[in-house]
Amino acid sequence: MLLHSNEYVPNNPLGHYYRGLANQGLNQLESAKEDFQNSINLDPTEQRVRKALEMVEKLLAQK
């Protein structure tokens, strides 16, 4: 259900953030990056999302 949560509330920045965390945990890094970017677009003030995005970008750079 979590992976599809934004179908129900697409403008919820935390929904994108939590889905990004789930995708990161599943090693779906491109999807996680997109989720974190969507969350930042909706709420640019959320620092934990920026940190999560930085981590995913570092992991992608290592591939």
N, C-alpha and C. Protein backbone atom coordinates (compact mmCIF):
# COMPACT_ATOMS: atom_id res chain seq x y z
N MET A 1 0.82 -1.19 0.00
CA MET A 1 0.00 0.00 0.00
C MET A 1 0.86 1.25 0.00
N LEU A 2 1.96 1.24 0.73
CA LEU A 2 2.81 2.43 0.83
C LEU A 2 3.37 2.83 -0.53
N LEU A 3 3.73 1.87 -1.36
CA LEU A 3 4.35 2.20 -2.63
C LEU A 3 3.37 2.90 -3.58
N HIS A 4 2.09 2.82 -3.29
CA HIS A 4 1.09 3.47 -4.13
C HIS A 4 0.37 4.59 -3.39
N SER A 5 0.89 5.03 -2.27
CA SER A 5 0.19 6.00 -1.43
C SER A 5 -0.08 7.32 -2.13
N ASN A 6 0.77 7.73 -3.06
CA ASN A 6 0.61 9.02 -3.69
C ASN A 6 -0.47 9.03 -4.76
N GLU A 7 -0.99 7.86 -5.11
CA GLU A 7 -2.15 7.82 -5.99
C GLU A 7 -3.35 8.42 -5.27
N TYR A 8 -3.35 8.34 -3.95
CA TYR A 8 -4.47 8.82 -3.15
C TYR A 8 -4.29 10.27 -2.72
N VAL A 9 -3.06 10.66 -2.39
CA VAL A 9 -2.78 12.02 -1.94
C VAL A 9 -1.50 12.49 -2.65
N PRO A 10 -1.60 12.87 -3.93
CA PRO A 10 -0.40 13.19 -4.71
C PRO A 10 0.32 14.45 -4.27
N ASN A 11 -0.33 15.33 -3.52
CA ASN A 11 0.31 16.57 -3.11
C ASN A 11 0.83 16.52 -1.68
N ASN A 12 0.99 15.35 -1.15
CA ASN A 12 1.50 15.18 0.21
C ASN A 12 3.00 14.94 0.15
N PRO A 13 3.83 15.93 0.57
CA PRO A 13 5.28 15.75 0.49
C PRO A 13 5.79 14.59 1.33
N LEU A 14 5.17 14.35 2.48
CA LEU A 14 5.63 13.23 3.31
C LEU A 14 5.31 11.89 2.68
N GLY A 15 4.24 11.81 1.90
CA GLY A 15 3.94 10.58 1.19
C GLY A 15 5.05 10.23 0.21
N HIS A 16 5.53 11.23 -0.50
CA HIS A 16 6.65 11.01 -1.43
C HIS A 16 7.92 10.63 -0.66
N TYR A 17 8.14 11.30 0.47
CA TYR A 17 9.34 11.01 1.28
C TYR A 17 9.33 9.56 1.77
N TYR A 18 8.22 9.14 2.35
CA TYR A 18 8.15 7.77 2.89
C TYR A 18 8.21 6.72 1.78
N ARG A 19 7.61 7.02 0.63
CA ARG A 19 7.74 6.09 -0.49
C ARG A 19 9.19 6.04 -0.96
N GLY A 20 9.87 7.19 -0.94
CA GLY A 20 11.29 7.20 -1.28
C GLY A 20 12.11 6.35 -0.35
N LEU A 21 11.81 6.42 0.94
CA LEU A 21 12.52 5.57 1.90
C LEU A 21 12.27 4.09 1.62
N ALA A 22 11.03 3.77 1.30
CA ALA A 22 10.71 2.37 0.97
C ALA A 22 11.46 1.93 -0.28
N ASN A 23 11.47 2.76 -1.29
CA ASN A 23 12.20 2.42 -2.52
C ASN A 23 13.69 2.31 -2.27
N GLN A 24 14.22 3.18 -1.43
CA GLN A 24 15.64 3.08 -1.09
C GLN A 24 15.93 1.75 -0.40
N GLY A 25 15.06 1.37 0.51
CA GLY A 25 15.23 0.09 1.21
C GLY A 25 15.16 -1.11 0.28
N LEU A 26 14.42 -0.96 -0.81
CA LEU A 26 14.31 -2.02 -1.82
C LEU A 26 15.40 -1.91 -2.88
N ASN A 27 16.32 -0.97 -2.69
CA ASN A 27 17.43 -0.71 -3.61
C ASN A 27 16.93 -0.24 -4.98
N GLN A 28 15.80 0.42 -5.00
CA GLN A 28 15.27 1.04 -6.21
C GLN A 28 15.62 2.52 -6.15
N LEU A 29 16.90 2.78 -6.38
CA LEU A 29 17.45 4.10 -6.10
C LEU A 29 16.95 5.19 -7.04
N GLU A 30 16.74 4.88 -8.29
CA GLU A 30 16.21 5.90 -9.22
C GLU A 30 14.80 6.32 -8.80
N SER A 31 13.99 5.34 -8.41
CA SER A 31 12.64 5.66 -7.95
C SER A 31 12.69 6.46 -6.66
N ALA A 32 13.60 6.09 -5.76
CA ALA A 32 13.75 6.82 -4.50
C ALA A 32 14.15 8.27 -4.78
N LYS A 33 15.08 8.45 -5.69
CA LYS A 33 15.52 9.80 -6.04
C LYS A 33 14.35 10.63 -6.56
N GLU A 34 13.57 10.06 -7.43
CA GLU A 34 12.41 10.76 -7.98
C GLU A 34 11.41 11.11 -6.87
N ASP A 35 11.17 10.18 -5.97
CA ASP A 35 10.25 10.46 -4.86
C ASP A 35 10.76 11.60 -3.98
N PHE A 36 12.04 11.58 -3.66
CA PHE A 36 12.60 12.64 -2.82
C PHE A 36 12.54 13.99 -3.54
N GLN A 37 12.82 13.99 -4.83
CA GLN A 37 12.74 15.24 -5.59
C GLN A 37 11.31 15.77 -5.63
N ASN A 38 10.34 14.88 -5.78
CA ASN A 38 8.94 15.30 -5.77
C ASN A 38 8.56 15.88 -4.41
N SER A 39 9.05 15.27 -3.35
CA SER A 39 8.77 15.77 -2.01
C SER A 39 9.35 17.17 -1.81
N ILE A 40 10.57 17.38 -2.28
CA ILE A 40 11.22 18.68 -2.16
C ILE A 40 10.48 19.73 -2.99
N ASN A 41 10.00 19.34 -4.15
CA ASN A 41 9.22 20.27 -4.98
C ASN A 41 7.97 20.74 -4.26
N LEU A 42 7.37 19.86 -3.48
CA LEU A 42 6.15 20.21 -2.74
C LEU A 42 6.44 20.96 -1.45
N ASP A 43 7.59 20.66 -0.82
CA ASP A 43 7.95 21.33 0.44
C ASP A 43 9.47 21.49 0.49
N PRO A 44 9.97 22.59 -0.04
CA PRO A 44 11.42 22.80 -0.11
C PRO A 44 12.10 23.00 1.25
N THR A 45 11.34 23.13 2.32
CA THR A 45 11.93 23.40 3.64
C THR A 45 12.28 22.14 4.41
N GLU A 46 11.89 20.97 3.94
CA GLU A 46 12.06 19.73 4.68
C GLU A 46 13.49 19.20 4.54
N GLN A 47 14.29 19.41 5.58
CA GLN A 47 15.72 19.07 5.52
C GLN A 47 15.98 17.58 5.49
N ARG A 48 15.16 16.78 6.15
CA ARG A 48 15.42 15.33 6.16
C ARG A 48 15.27 14.75 4.75
N VAL A 49 14.41 15.36 3.95
CA VAL A 49 14.25 14.88 2.58
C VAL A 49 15.48 15.24 1.76
N ARG A 50 16.01 16.43 1.97
CA ARG A 50 17.24 16.83 1.27
C ARG A 50 18.40 15.90 1.61
N LYS A 51 18.50 15.53 2.88
CA LYS A 51 19.57 14.61 3.30
C LYS A 51 19.38 13.24 2.67
N ALA A 52 18.14 12.78 2.61
CA ALA A 52 17.87 11.48 1.99
C ALA A 52 18.21 11.51 0.50
N LEU A 53 17.88 12.62 -0.16
CA LEU A 53 18.20 12.76 -1.58
C LEU A 53 19.71 12.76 -1.79
N GLU A 54 20.43 13.46 -0.96
CA GLU A 54 21.90 13.47 -1.07
C GLU A 54 22.46 12.06 -0.93
N MET A 55 21.93 11.29 0.02
CA MET A 55 22.42 9.92 0.23
C MET A 55 22.16 9.05 -0.99
N VAL A 56 20.97 9.15 -1.56
CA VAL A 56 20.64 8.35 -2.73
C VAL A 56 21.51 8.76 -3.92
N GLU A 57 21.75 10.05 -4.07
CA GLU A 57 22.61 10.50 -5.17
C GLU A 57 24.03 9.97 -5.00
N LYS A 58 24.53 9.91 -3.78
CA LYS A 58 25.86 9.34 -3.54
C LYS A 58 25.87 7.86 -3.89
N LEU A 59 24.82 7.14 -3.49
CA LEU A 59 24.75 5.72 -3.80
C LEU A 59 24.68 5.48 -5.31
N LEU A 60 23.93 6.31 -6.01
CA LEU A 60 23.85 6.17 -7.46
C LEU A 60 25.18 6.48 -8.13
N ALA A 61 25.93 7.42 -7.60
CA ALA A 61 27.23 7.77 -8.16
C ALA A 61 28.23 6.63 -8.01
N GLN A 62 28.03 5.79 -7.00
CA GLN A 62 28.94 4.68 -6.75
C GLN A 62 28.68 3.51 -7.70
N LYS A 63 27.54 3.49 -8.36
CA LYS A 63 27.21 2.39 -9.26
C LYS A 63 27.95 2.51 -10.57
